[in-house]
C-alpha atoms as a PDB file:
ATOM      1  CA  UNK A   1      94.774  93.616  95.399  1.00  0.00           C
ATOM      2  CA  UNK A   2      96.074  95.247  98.570  1.00  0.00           C
ATOM      3  CA  UNK A   3      98.166  94.311 101.513  1.00  0.00           C
ATOM      4  CA  UNK A   4      96.382  92.861 104.547  1.00  0.00           C
ATOM      5  CA  UNK A   5      95.737  95.612 107.118  1.00  0.00           C
ATOM      6  CA  UNK A   6      94.259  95.725 110.587  1.00  0.00           C
ATOM      7  CA  UNK A   7      93.246  98.928 112.353  1.00  0.00           C
ATOM      8  CA  UNK A   8      95.151 101.048 109.834  1.00  0.00           C
ATOM      9  CA  UNK A   9      98.445  99.291 110.599  1.00  0.00           C
ATOM     10  CA  UNK A  10     100.007  96.921 108.102  1.00  0.00           C
ATOM     11  CA  UNK A  11     100.671  93.416 109.276  1.00  0.00           C
ATOM     12  CA  UNK A  12     103.376  91.293 107.671  1.00  0.00           C
ATOM     13  CA  UNK A  13     101.860  89.294 104.847  1.00  0.00           C
ATOM     14  CA  UNK A  14     101.750  85.535 105.208  1.00  0.00           C
ATOM     15  CA  UNK A  15     102.109  82.870 102.578  1.00  0.00           C
ATOM     16  CA  UNK A  16      98.427  82.075 103.113  1.00  0.00           C
ATOM     17  CA  UNK A  17      97.567  85.654 102.040  1.00  0.00           C
ATOM     18  CA  UNK A  18      99.459  85.132  98.792  1.00  0.00           C
ATOM     19  CA  UNK A  19      97.709  81.787  98.210  1.00  0.00           C
ATOM     20  CA  UNK A  20      94.274  83.309  98.823  1.00  0.00           C
ATOM     21  CA  UNK A  21      94.798  86.217  96.447  1.00  0.00           C
ATOM     22  CA  UNK A  22      96.398  84.070  93.742  1.00  0.00           C
ATOM     23  CA  UNK A  23      93.635  81.460  94.234  1.00  0.00           C
ATOM     24  CA  UNK A  24      96.106  78.614  94.618  1.00  0.00           C
ATOM     25  CA  UNK A  25      97.246  76.399  97.489  1.00  0.00           C
ATOM     26  CA  UNK A  26      99.971  77.322  99.958  1.00  0.00           C
ATOM     27  CA  UNK A  27     102.015  74.446  98.553  1.00  0.00           C
ATOM     28  CA  UNK A  28     101.770  75.951  95.046  1.00  0.00           C
ATOM     29  CA  UNK A  29     103.026  79.316  96.341  1.00  0.00           C
ATOM     30  CA  UNK A  30     105.927  77.583  98.083  1.00  0.00           C
ATOM     31  CA  UNK A  31     106.729  75.579  94.956  1.00  0.00           C
ATOM     32  CA  UNK A  32     106.548  78.672  92.725  1.00  0.00           C
ATOM     33  CA  UNK A  33     108.993  80.605  94.891  1.00  0.00           C
ATOM     34  CA  UNK A  34     111.399  77.696  95.294  1.00  0.00           C
ATOM     35  CA  UNK A  35     111.259  76.211  91.776  1.00  0.00           C
ATOM     36  CA  UNK A  36     109.378  78.554  89.413  1.00  0.00           C
ATOM     37  CA  UNK A  37     110.357  76.529  86.360  1.00  0.00           C
ATOM     38  CA  UNK A  38     108.142  73.600  87.413  1.00  0.00           C
ATOM     39  CA  UNK A  39     104.990  75.724  87.695  1.00  0.00           C
ATOM     40  CA  UNK A  40     102.706  76.633  84.765  1.00  0.00           C
ATOM     41  CA  UNK A  41     103.346  80.132  83.431  1.00  0.00           C
ATOM     42  CA  UNK A  42      99.832  81.442  84.181  1.00  0.00           C
ATOM     43  CA  UNK A  43     100.015  80.164  87.755  1.00  0.00           C
ATOM     44  CA  UNK A  44     103.511  81.603  88.194  1.00  0.00           C
ATOM     45  CA  UNK A  45     102.338  85.034  87.041  1.00  0.00           C
ATOM     46  CA  UNK A  46      99.371  85.002  89.454  1.00  0.00           C
ATOM     47  CA  UNK A  47     101.551  83.993  92.374  1.00  0.00           C
ATOM     48  CA  UNK A  48     104.230  86.593  91.659  1.00  0.00           C
ATOM     49  CA  UNK A  49     101.591  89.298  91.210  1.00  0.00           C
ATOM     50  CA  UNK A  50     100.108  88.343  94.584  1.00  0.00           C
ATOM     51  CA  UNK A  51     103.552  88.442  96.185  1.00  0.00           C
ATOM     52  CA  UNK A  52     104.050  91.970  94.848  1.00  0.00           C
ATOM     53  CA  UNK A  53     100.575  93.101  95.908  1.00  0.00           C
ATOM     54  CA  UNK A  54     100.870  91.784  99.455  1.00  0.00           C
ATOM     55  CA  UNK A  55     104.501  92.647 100.012  1.00  0.00           C
ATOM     56  CA  UNK A  56     105.119  89.079 101.135  1.00  0.00           C
ATOM     57  CA  UNK A  57     108.755  88.334 101.953  1.00  0.00           C
ATOM     58  CA  UNK A  58     109.640  84.641 101.577  1.00  0.00           C
ATOM     59  CA  UNK A  59     111.489  83.012 104.425  1.00  0.00           C
ATOM     60  CA  UNK A  60     114.776  82.584 102.623  1.00  0.00           C
ATOM     61  CA  UNK A  61     116.432  80.969 105.595  1.00  0.00           C
ATOM     62  CA  UNK A  62     113.640  78.441 105.786  1.00  0.00           C
ATOM     63  CA  UNK A  63     113.883  77.783 102.086  1.00  0.00           C
ATOM     64  CA  UNK A  64     117.599  77.272 102.296  1.00  0.00           C
ATOM     65  CA  UNK A  65     117.100  74.875 105.157  1.00  0.00           C
ATOM     66  CA  UNK A  66     114.517  73.003 103.130  1.00  0.00           C
ATOM     67  CA  UNK A  67     116.930  72.578 100.241  1.00  0.00           C
ATOM     68  CA  UNK A  68     119.412  70.929 102.611  1.00  0.00           C
ATOM     69  CA  UNK A  69     116.720  69.406 104.873  1.00  0.00           C
ATOM     70  CA  UNK A  70     115.671  71.203 108.019  1.00  0.00           C
ATOM     71  CA  UNK A  71     116.258  68.159 110.273  1.00  0.00           C
ATOM     72  CA  UNK A  72     112.979  68.932 112.013  1.00  0.00           C
ATOM     73  CA  UNK A  73     109.756  66.907 112.187  1.00  0.00           C
ATOM     74  CA  UNK A  74     106.289  68.229 113.030  1.00  0.00           C
ATOM     75  CA  UNK A  75     104.478  66.024 115.565  1.00  0.00           C
ATOM     76  CA  UNK A  76     100.747  66.755 115.692  1.00  0.00           C
ATOM     77  CA  UNK A  77      99.038  65.991 119.032  1.00  0.00           C
ATOM     78  CA  UNK A  78      95.284  66.444 119.611  1.00  0.00           C
ATOM     79  CA  UNK A  79      95.624  67.462 123.271  1.00  0.00           C
ATOM     80  CA  UNK A  80      98.835  67.619 125.303  1.00  0.00           C
ATOM     81  CA  UNK A  81      96.807  67.555 128.521  1.00  0.00           C
ATOM     82  CA  UNK A  82      95.805  63.961 127.759  1.00  0.00           C
ATOM     83  CA  UNK A  83      98.037  61.698 129.926  1.00  0.00           C
ATOM     84  CA  UNK A  84      98.201  59.134 127.127  1.00  0.00           C
ATOM     85  CA  UNK A  85     100.605  61.149 124.974  1.00  0.00           C
ATOM     86  CA  UNK A  86     103.733  61.943 127.072  1.00  0.00           C
ATOM     87  CA  UNK A  87     105.142  58.422 126.753  1.00  0.00           C
ATOM     88  CA  UNK A  88     104.332  58.346 123.023  1.00  0.00           C
ATOM     89  CA  UNK A  89     106.207  61.633 122.590  1.00  0.00           C
ATOM     90  CA  UNK A  90     109.136  60.273 124.593  1.00  0.00           C
ATOM     91  CA  UNK A  91     109.487  57.394 122.133  1.00  0.00           C
ATOM     92  CA  UNK A  92     109.178  59.796 119.198  1.00  0.00           C
ATOM     93  CA  UNK A  93     111.774  62.199 120.593  1.00  0.00           C
ATOM     94  CA  UNK A  94     114.297  59.514 121.525  1.00  0.00           C
ATOM     95  CA  UNK A  95     114.169  57.962 118.060  1.00  0.00           C
ATOM     96  CA  UNK A  96     114.260  61.208 116.108  1.00  0.00           C
ATOM     97  CA  UNK A  97     117.015  62.635 118.330  1.00  0.00           C
ATOM     98  CA  UNK A  98     119.170  59.570 117.787  1.00  0.00           C
ATOM     99  CA  UNK A  99     118.900  60.201 114.047  1.00  0.00           C
ATOM    100  CA  UNK A 100     119.811  63.882 114.428  1.00  0.00           C
ATOM    101  CA  UNK A 101     116.286  65.306 114.126  1.00  0.00           C
ATOM    102  CA  UNK A 102     114.539  67.814 116.357  1.00  0.00           C
ATOM    103  CA  UNK A 103     110.775  67.988 116.821  1.00  0.00           C
ATOM    104  CA  UNK A 104     108.149  70.697 116.762  1.00  0.00           C
ATOM    105  CA  UNK A 105     105.090  69.686 118.789  1.00  0.00           C
ATOM    106  CA  UNK A 106     101.790  70.936 117.372  1.00  0.00           C
ATOM    107  CA  UNK A 107      99.173  70.885 120.146  1.00  0.00           C
ATOM    108  CA  UNK A 108      95.891  71.201 118.235  1.00  0.00           C
ATOM    109  CA  UNK A 109      93.595  71.534 121.259  1.00  0.00           C
ATOM    110  CA  UNK A 110      90.607  71.204 118.873  1.00  0.00           C
ATOM    111  CA  UNK A 111      91.459  74.512 117.178  1.00  0.00           C
ATOM    112  CA  UNK A 112      90.988  74.838 113.400  1.00  0.00           C
ATOM    113  CA  UNK A 113      93.068  78.022 113.482  1.00  0.00           C
ATOM    114  CA  UNK A 114      96.010  76.175 115.042  1.00  0.00           C
ATOM    115  CA  UNK A 115      95.713  73.383 112.505  1.00  0.00           C
ATOM    116  CA  UNK A 116      95.868  75.843 109.619  1.00  0.00           C
ATOM    117  CA  UNK A 117      98.880  77.598 111.136  1.00  0.00           C
ATOM    118  CA  UNK A 118     100.784  74.329 111.440  1.00  0.00           C
ATOM    119  CA  UNK A 119      99.947  73.411 107.845  1.00  0.00           C
ATOM    120  CA  UNK A 120     101.416  76.755 106.753  1.00  0.00           C
ATOM    121  CA  UNK A 121     104.552  75.963 108.722  1.00  0.00           C
ATOM    122  CA  UNK A 122     104.879  72.541 107.114  1.00  0.00           C
ATOM    123  CA  UNK A 123     104.143  73.714 103.576  1.00  0.00           C
ATOM    124  CA  UNK A 124     106.623  76.597 103.894  1.00  0.00           C
ATOM    125  CA  UNK A 125     109.431  74.064 104.202  1.00  0.00           C
ATOM    126  CA  UNK A 126     110.176  74.388 107.900  1.00  0.00           C
ATOM    127  CA  UNK A 127     110.006  70.633 108.541  1.00  0.00           C
ATOM    128  CA  UNK A 128     111.028  67.469 106.708  1.00  0.00           C
ATOM    129  CA  UNK A 129     108.055  65.330 107.701  1.00  0.00           C
ATOM    130  CA  UNK A 130     104.822  65.147 109.697  1.00  0.00           C
ATOM    131  CA  UNK A 131     103.787  62.625 112.343  1.00  0.00           C
ATOM    132  CA  UNK A 132     100.054  62.655 113.051  1.00  0.00           C
ATOM    133  CA  UNK A 133      98.835  61.446 116.459  1.00  0.00           C
ATOM    134  CA  UNK A 134      95.452  63.114 116.029  1.00  0.00           C
ATOM    135  CA  UNK A 135      93.450  60.500 114.117  1.00  0.00           C
ATOM    136  CA  UNK A 136      92.879  62.616 111.012  1.00  0.00           C
ATOM    137  CA  UNK A 137      94.719  64.408 108.251  1.00  0.00           C
ATOM    138  CA  UNK A 138      94.556  68.062 109.228  1.00  0.00           C
ATOM    139  CA  UNK A 139      91.066  69.187 108.325  1.00  0.00           C
ATOM    140  CA  UNK A 140      90.375  71.579 105.483  1.00  0.00           C
ATOM    141  CA  UNK A 141      94.015  71.667 104.349  1.00  0.00           C
ATOM    142  CA  UNK A 142      94.535  68.088 103.189  1.00  0.00           C
ATOM    143  CA  UNK A 143      95.284  69.115  99.604  1.00  0.00           C
ATOM    144  CA  UNK A 144      97.935  71.628 100.687  1.00  0.00           C
ATOM    145  CA  UNK A 145      99.630  69.144 102.990  1.00  0.00           C
ATOM    146  CA  UNK A 146      99.705  66.404 100.359  1.00  0.00           C
ATOM    147  CA  UNK A 147     100.796  68.748  97.572  1.00  0.00           C
ATOM    148  CA  UNK A 148     103.784  69.815  99.665  1.00  0.00           C
ATOM    149  CA  UNK A 149     105.254  66.349  99.128  1.00  0.00           C
ATOM    150  CA  UNK A 150     106.090  65.984 102.809  1.00  0.00           C
ATOM    151  CA  UNK A 151     106.279  62.430 104.177  1.00  0.00           C
ATOM    152  CA  UNK A 152     103.374  61.755 106.559  1.00  0.00           C
ATOM    153  CA  UNK A 153     103.050  58.970 109.135  1.00  0.00           C
ATOM    154  CA  UNK A 154     100.093  58.363 111.465  1.00  0.00           C
ATOM    155  CA  UNK A 155     100.097  56.665 114.869  1.00  0.00           C
ATOM    156  CA  UNK A 156      97.795  55.908 117.829  1.00  0.00           C
ATOM    157  CA  UNK A 157      94.572  56.408 115.875  1.00  0.00           C
ATOM    158  CA  UNK A 158      94.087  54.781 112.489  1.00  0.00           C
ATOM    159  CA  UNK A 159      93.195  57.145 109.640  1.00  0.00           C
ATOM    160  CA  UNK A 160      90.933  55.196 107.307  1.00  0.00           C
ATOM    161  CA  UNK A 161      91.338  55.762 103.600  1.00  0.00           C
ATOM    162  CA  UNK A 162      94.843  57.245 103.778  1.00  0.00           C
ATOM    163  CA  UNK A 163      97.693  55.516 101.950  1.00  0.00           C
ATOM    164  CA  UNK A 164     100.379  56.425 104.471  1.00  0.00           C
ATOM    165  CA  UNK A 165     102.420  54.393 106.961  1.00  0.00           C
ATOM    166  CA  UNK A 166     100.438  53.922 110.177  1.00  0.00           C
ATOM    167  CA  UNK A 167     101.113  52.479 113.637  1.00  0.00           C
ATOM    168  CA  UNK A 168      98.358  51.182 115.909  1.00  0.00           C
ATOM    169  CA  UNK A 169      97.321  48.428 118.278  1.00  0.00           C
ATOM    170  CA  UNK A 170      94.563  45.923 117.591  1.00  0.00           C
ATOM    171  CA  UNK A 171      91.911  47.800 119.545  1.00  0.00           C
ATOM    172  CA  UNK A 172      89.115  45.367 118.761  1.00  0.00           C
ATOM    173  CA  UNK A 173      91.028  42.297 119.874  1.00  0.00           C
ATOM    174  CA  UNK A 174      92.346  44.011 123.011  1.00  0.00           C
ATOM    175  CA  UNK A 175      88.844  45.130 124.028  1.00  0.00           C
ATOM    176  CA  UNK A 176      87.533  41.606 123.468  1.00  0.00           C
ATOM    177  CA  UNK A 177      90.236  40.262 125.813  1.00  0.00           C
ATOM    178  CA  UNK A 178      89.318  42.808 128.481  1.00  0.00           C
ATOM    179  CA  UNK A 179      85.641  41.862 128.374  1.00  0.00           C
ATOM    180  CA  UNK A 180      86.447  38.136 128.232  1.00  0.00           C
ATOM    181  CA  UNK A 181      88.342  38.624 131.512  1.00  0.00           C
ATOM    182  CA  UNK A 182      85.172  39.992 133.126  1.00  0.00           C
ATOM    183  CA  UNK A 183      83.124  37.130 131.711  1.00  0.00           C
ATOM    184  CA  UNK A 184      85.642  34.597 133.071  1.00  0.00           C
ATOM    185  CA  UNK A 185      85.089  36.169 136.511  1.00  0.00           C
ATOM    186  CA  UNK A 186      81.399  35.300 136.229  1.00  0.00           C
ATOM    187  CA  UNK A 187      80.022  38.695 135.207  1.00  0.00           C
ATOM    188  CA  UNK A 188      77.018  38.574 132.886  1.00  0.00           C
ATOM    189  CA  UNK A 189      75.690  42.137 133.152  1.00  0.00           C
ATOM    190  CA  UNK A 190      78.522  44.214 131.702  1.00  0.00           C
ATOM    191  CA  UNK A 191      78.280  47.889 130.758  1.00  0.00           C
ATOM    192  CA  UNK A 192      80.338  49.938 128.313  1.00  0.00           C
ATOM    193  CA  UNK A 193      81.550  53.518 128.740  1.00  0.00           C
ATOM    194  CA  UNK A 194      82.019  54.815 125.211  1.00  0.00           C
ATOM    195  CA  UNK A 195      84.457  57.234 123.637  1.00  0.00           C
ATOM    196  CA  UNK A 196      83.451  60.135 121.385  1.00  0.00           C
ATOM    197  CA  UNK A 197      80.940  59.394 118.638  1.00  0.00           C
ATOM    198  CA  UNK A 198      82.470  58.424 115.282  1.00  0.00           C
ATOM    199  CA  UNK A 199      85.911  58.056 116.872  1.00  0.00           C
ATOM    200  CA  UNK A 200      87.822  55.154 115.323  1.00  0.00           C
ATOM    201  CA  UNK A 201      89.126  53.961 118.702  1.00  0.00           C
ATOM    202  CA  UNK A 202      85.648  53.821 120.184  1.00  0.00           C
ATOM    203  CA  UNK A 203      84.341  52.060 117.096  1.00  0.00           C
ATOM    204  CA  UNK A 204      86.963  49.312 117.285  1.00  0.00           C
ATOM    205  CA  UNK A 205      86.760  48.898 121.058  1.00  0.00           C
ATOM    206  CA  UNK A 206      82.959  48.741 120.913  1.00  0.00           C
ATOM    207  CA  UNK A 207      83.274  45.976 118.314  1.00  0.00           C
ATOM    208  CA  UNK A 208      85.572  44.034 120.614  1.00  0.00           C
ATOM    209  CA  UNK A 209      83.128  44.522 123.502  1.00  0.00           C
ATOM    210  CA  UNK A 210      80.304  43.087 121.411  1.00  0.00           C
ATOM    211  CA  UNK A 211      82.430  40.255 120.070  1.00  0.00           C
ATOM    212  CA  UNK A 212      83.318  39.029 123.560  1.00  0.00           C
ATOM    213  CA  UNK A 213      79.698  39.162 124.689  1.00  0.00           C
ATOM    214  CA  UNK A 214      78.491  37.221 121.665  1.00  0.00           C
ATOM    215  CA  UNK A 215      81.195  34.592 122.238  1.00  0.00           C
ATOM    216  CA  UNK A 216      79.670  34.077 125.714  1.00  0.00           C
ATOM    217  CA  UNK A 217      76.149  33.966 124.204  1.00  0.00           C
ATOM    218  CA  UNK A 218      75.263  37.340 125.685  1.00  0.00           C
ATOM    219  CA  UNK A 219      73.358  39.934 123.673  1.00  0.00           C
ATOM    220  CA  UNK A 220      75.389  43.157 123.182  1.00  0.00           C
ATOM    221  CA  UNK A 221      72.162  45.028 122.395  1.00  0.00           C
ATOM    222  CA  UNK A 222      71.036  44.514 125.975  1.00  0.00           C
ATOM    223  CA  UNK A 223      74.308  45.749 127.477  1.00  0.00           C
ATOM    224  CA  UNK A 224      74.010  49.222 129.043  1.00  0.00           C
ATOM    225  CA  UNK A 225      76.097  51.833 127.235  1.00  0.00           C
ATOM    226  CA  UNK A 226      77.129  55.114 128.843  1.00  0.00           C
ATOM    227  CA  UNK A 227      78.049  58.091 126.646  1.00  0.00           C
ATOM    228  CA  UNK A 228      81.617  59.300 127.029  1.00  0.00           C
ATOM    229  CA  UNK A 229      84.421  61.347 125.507  1.00  0.00           C
ATOM    230  CA  UNK A 230      87.642  59.852 126.966  1.00  0.00           C
ATOM    231  CA  UNK A 231      87.712  62.321 129.908  1.00  0.00           C
ATOM    232  CA  UNK A 232      87.632  61.813 133.694  1.00  0.00           C
ATOM    233  CA  UNK A 233      84.338  63.722 133.821  1.00  0.00           C
ATOM    234  CA  UNK A 234      82.713  61.308 131.402  1.00  0.00           C
ATOM    235  CA  UNK A 235      83.578  58.489 133.792  1.00  0.00           C
ATOM    236  CA  UNK A 236      82.084  60.454 136.683  1.00  0.00           C
ATOM    237  CA  UNK A 237      78.847  60.953 134.719  1.00  0.00           C
ATOM    238  CA  UNK A 238      78.717  57.254 133.856  1.00  0.00           C
ATOM    239  CA  UNK A 239      79.111  56.341 137.539  1.00  0.00           C
ATOM    240  CA  UNK A 240      76.218  58.613 138.530  1.00  0.00           C
ATOM    241  CA  UNK A 241      74.056  56.996 135.847  1.00  0.00           C
ATOM    242  CA  UNK A 242      75.137  53.557 137.052  1.00  0.00           C
ATOM    243  CA  UNK A 243      74.284  54.424 140.653  1.00  0.00           C
ATOM    244  CA  UNK A 244      70.818  55.590 139.587  1.00  0.00           C
ATOM    245  CA  UNK A 245      69.977  52.242 137.948  1.00  0.00           C
ATOM    246  CA  UNK A 246      67.780  49.675 139.723  1.00  0.00           C
ATOM    247  CA  UNK A 247      69.714  46.845 141.369  1.00  0.00           C
ATOM    248  CA  UNK A 248      68.139  44.285 139.054  1.00  0.00           C
ATOM    249  CA  UNK A 249      69.526  45.919 135.904  1.00  0.00           C
ATOM    250  CA  UNK A 250      72.698  47.561 137.213  1.00  0.00           C
ATOM    251  CA  UNK A 251      75.819  46.006 135.614  1.00  0.00           C
ATOM    252  CA  UNK A 252      78.161  44.178 137.943  1.00  0.00           C
ATOM    253  CA  UNK A 253      81.093  45.059 135.682  1.00  0.00           C
ATOM    254  CA  UNK A 254      82.122  47.936 133.425  1.00  0.00           C
ATOM    255  CA  UNK A 255      84.472  48.113 130.476  1.00  0.00           C
ATOM    256  CA  UNK A 256      85.590  51.698 129.845  1.00  0.00           C
ATOM    257  CA  UNK A 257      87.024  52.661 126.458  1.00  0.00           C
ATOM    258  CA  UNK A 258      89.966  54.372 128.173  1.00  0.00           C
ATOM    259  CA  UNK A 259      91.612  54.656 131.585  1.00  0.00           C
ATOM    260  CA  UNK A 260      90.594  58.240 132.294  1.00  0.00           C
ATOM    261  CA  UNK A 261      86.901  57.345 132.168  1.00  0.00           C
ATOM    262  CA  UNK A 262      87.496  54.194 134.216  1.00  0.00           C
ATOM    263  CA  UNK A 263      89.284  56.195 136.925  1.00  0.00           C
ATOM    264  CA  UNK A 264      86.544  58.834 136.947  1.00  0.00           C
ATOM    265  CA  UNK A 265      83.971  56.044 137.364  1.00  0.00           C
ATOM    266  CA  UNK A 266      85.852  54.423 140.259  1.00  0.00           C
ATOM    267  CA  UNK A 267      86.295  57.732 142.093  1.00  0.00           C
ATOM    268  CA  UNK A 268      82.619  58.681 141.864  1.00  0.00           C
ATOM    269  CA  UNK A 269      81.239  55.213 142.602  1.00  0.00           C
ATOM    270  CA  UNK A 270      83.400  54.842 145.717  1.00  0.00           C
ATOM    271  CA  UNK A 271      82.521  58.330 146.919  1.00  0.00           C
ATOM    272  CA  UNK A 272      78.848  57.268 146.824  1.00  0.00           C
ATOM    273  CA  UNK A 273      79.584  54.180 148.929  1.00  0.00           C
ATOM    274  CA  UNK A 274      79.925  51.544 146.199  1.00  0.00           C
ATOM    275  CA  UNK A 275      82.746  49.070 146.665  1.00  0.00           C
ATOM    276  CA  UNK A 276      85.169  48.405 143.823  1.00  0.00           C
ATOM    277  CA  UNK A 277      85.511  45.547 142.973  1.00  0.00           C
ATOM    278  CA  UNK A 278      83.085  43.950 145.473  1.00  0.00           C
ATOM    279  CA  UNK A 279      80.011  45.705 144.045  1.00  0.00           C
ATOM    280  CA  UNK A 280      81.328  46.494 140.571  1.00  0.00           C
ATOM    281  CA  UNK A 281      84.447  45.496 138.650  1.00  0.00           C
ATOM    282  CA  UNK A 282      85.944  47.823 136.068  1.00  0.00           C
ATOM    283  CA  UNK A 283      88.531  47.498 133.305  1.00  0.00           C
ATOM    284  CA  UNK A 284      90.134  50.403 131.459  1.00  0.00           C
ATOM    285  CA  UNK A 285      92.204  50.753 128.329  1.00  0.00           C
ATOM    286  CA  UNK A 286      95.640  52.378 127.718  1.00  0.00           C
ATOM    287  CA  UNK A 287      97.725  51.654 130.824  1.00  0.00           C
ATOM    288  CA  UNK A 288      98.439  55.285 131.727  1.00  0.00           C
ATOM    289  CA  UNK A 289     100.492  55.950 134.863  1.00  0.00           C
ATOM    290  CA  UNK A 290      97.441  57.125 136.834  1.00  0.00           C
ATOM    291  CA  UNK A 291      96.133  53.546 136.628  1.00  0.00           C
ATOM    292  CA  UNK A 292      98.952  52.523 139.002  1.00  0.00           C
ATOM    293  CA  UNK A 293      98.044  55.121 141.606  1.00  0.00           C
ATOM    294  CA  UNK A 294      94.247  55.186 141.769  1.00  0.00           C
ATOM    295  CA  UNK A 295      92.499  53.245 144.536  1.00  0.00           C
ATOM    296  CA  UNK A 296      92.002  50.431 143.827  1.00  0.00           C
ATOM    297  CA  UNK A 297      94.649  50.061 141.148  1.00  0.00           C
ATOM    298  CA  UNK A 298      93.086  49.670 137.730  1.00  0.00           C
ATOM    299  CA  UNK A 299      92.934  46.518 135.625  1.00  0.00           C
ATOM    300  CA  UNK A 300      93.593  47.736 132.099  1.00  0.00           C
ATOM    301  CA  UNK A 301      94.747  46.991 128.584  1.00  0.00           C
ATOM    302  CA  UNK A 302      98.324  48.231 128.475  1.00  0.00           C
ATOM    303  CA  UNK A 303      99.513  49.951 125.316  1.00  0.00           C
ATOM    304  CA  UNK A 304     103.324  50.239 125.031  1.00  0.00           C
ATOM    305  CA  UNK A 305     103.088  53.908 124.210  1.00  0.00           C
ATOM    306  CA  UNK A 306     106.824  54.530 124.090  1.00  0.00           C
ATOM    307  CA  UNK A 307     107.209  51.709 121.544  1.00  0.00           C
ATOM    308  CA  UNK A 308     104.352  53.126 119.493  1.00  0.00           C
ATOM    309  CA  UNK A 309     106.082  56.500 119.336  1.00  0.00           C
ATOM    310  CA  UNK A 310     109.474  54.980 118.536  1.00  0.00           C
ATOM    311  CA  UNK A 311     108.052  52.785 115.768  1.00  0.00           C
ATOM    312  CA  UNK A 312     106.189  55.697 114.191  1.00  0.00           C
ATOM    313  CA  UNK A 313     109.293  57.894 114.350  1.00  0.00           C
ATOM    314  CA  UNK A 314     111.387  55.189 112.691  1.00  0.00           C
ATOM    315  CA  UNK A 315     108.870  54.963 109.842  1.00  0.00           C
ATOM    316  CA  UNK A 316     108.965  58.740 109.461  1.00  0.00           C
ATOM    317  CA  UNK A 317     112.775  58.780 109.371  1.00  0.00           C
ATOM    318  CA  UNK A 318     112.716  56.119 106.654  1.00  0.00           C
ATOM    319  CA  UNK A 319     110.218  58.186 104.669  1.00  0.00           C
ATOM    320  CA  UNK A 320     112.187  61.422 105.109  1.00  0.00           C
ATOM    321  CA  UNK A 321     115.472  59.868 103.987  1.00  0.00           C
ATOM    322  CA  UNK A 322     114.204  57.775 101.086  1.00  0.00           C
ATOM    323  CA  UNK A 323     114.107  59.214  97.554  1.00  0.00           C
ATOM    324  CA  UNK A 324     110.874  57.285  96.946  1.00  0.00           C
ATOM    325  CA  UNK A 325     107.462  58.017  98.518  1.00  0.00           C
ATOM    326  CA  UNK A 326     106.818  55.721 101.514  1.00  0.00           C
ATOM    327  CA  UNK A 327     104.689  52.682 100.788  1.00  0.00           C
ATOM    328  CA  UNK A 328     101.475  52.438 102.800  1.00  0.00           C
ATOM    329  CA  UNK A 329     101.828  49.890 105.599  1.00  0.00           C
ATOM    330  CA  UNK A 330     100.380  49.125 108.998  1.00  0.00           C
ATOM    331  CA  UNK A 331     102.527  48.315 112.004  1.00  0.00           C
ATOM    332  CA  UNK A 332     100.627  46.559 114.788  1.00  0.00           C
ATOM    333  CA  UNK A 333     102.038  46.871 118.314  1.00  0.00           C
ATOM    334  CA  UNK A 334     101.059  44.168 120.812  1.00  0.00           C
ATOM    335  CA  UNK A 335      99.059  45.009 123.950  1.00  0.00           C
ATOM    336  CA  UNK A 336      98.619  43.076 127.180  1.00  0.00           C
ATOM    337  CA  UNK A 337      95.945  42.784 129.835  1.00  0.00           C
ATOM    338  CA  UNK A 338      97.314  44.028 133.167  1.00  0.00           C
ATOM    339  CA  UNK A 339      95.420  42.469 136.078  1.00  0.00           C
ATOM    340  CA  UNK A 340      95.155  44.681 139.133  1.00  0.00           C
ATOM    341  CA  UNK A 341      92.731  45.269 141.984  1.00  0.00           C
ATOM    342  CA  UNK A 342      89.674  46.754 140.245  1.00  0.00           C
ATOM    343  CA  UNK A 343      88.299  43.408 139.055  1.00  0.00           C
ATOM    344  CA  UNK A 344      87.029  40.410 141.027  1.00  0.00           C
ATOM    345  CA  UNK A 345      84.488  37.625 140.832  1.00  0.00           C
ATOM    346  CA  UNK A 346      80.919  38.681 140.163  1.00  0.00           C
ATOM    347  CA  UNK A 347      78.989  39.361 143.374  1.00  0.00           C
ATOM    348  CA  UNK A 348      76.235  36.933 144.335  1.00  0.00           C
ATOM    349  CA  UNK A 349      72.834  38.537 144.086  1.00  0.00           C
END
């Protein structure tokens, strides 16, 4: 075994280097250094040999903090550029701050390297708990994160199969209400702009879309679906596809799985001469601030994002301060349909 080197210069060894050489998890290394008596002798010897070989220096300050509690929480966000998250983070920060906790924001930005680095930080005892807003337990390092014993709470996107406290809205029911609003306005040809494939939010909102159509005796299989990924550009692409459709089959209304795509659709459709809502009505989902300022203002399902963040933070505080592991539970936050100017009665053809 040798110390990690790059270009002939030694780099400080990381706890992950020790774990790799000892063929154990990062959590096991952390546990061995903090409480060697609870680790099997063979494992302890391998870890200590790897520490010697790599020259790894444990973060004693971090370990001391961990023994007394660091009073920090790691909040994992998939993409800080997404306008959905600032209000969620405000609710998280207000609640944690009131309880004396600080936060470390982990902006994943779809980077596996970043995810691994944040797991190392958590497993090394730098935080007291983890709040996941990313819709998954950090990929590839689930075992390490669980073995660390850190309390974990999820919010915004449900994580199926995980026995942890979670906070969400009823996405299926909310989507069904949005589409029912369009049906009540007389629309019968209604299109759907989807989120990313296999995304739990898209799956639930698509179910609600279909449920509302079936309730009105409309066939969801005949409803045009436009591929999307929750971005403004996806809405722009959907609008171009909508504009290219023959008048006889073009939907008179659109339900978009989030506000960004709805706003992108409105912008592109209007730029091409289509009138919103006279030629096409559109409903979004989320209630982001941009929905108040686009032209026309956007009818949308409003999620109380600040409340979602505050509720999730309260669950995390309870988990971090309880001597017992948190019991798995779901907290459902109510949504509401906000009626604005982007929807109107179906046009006569």
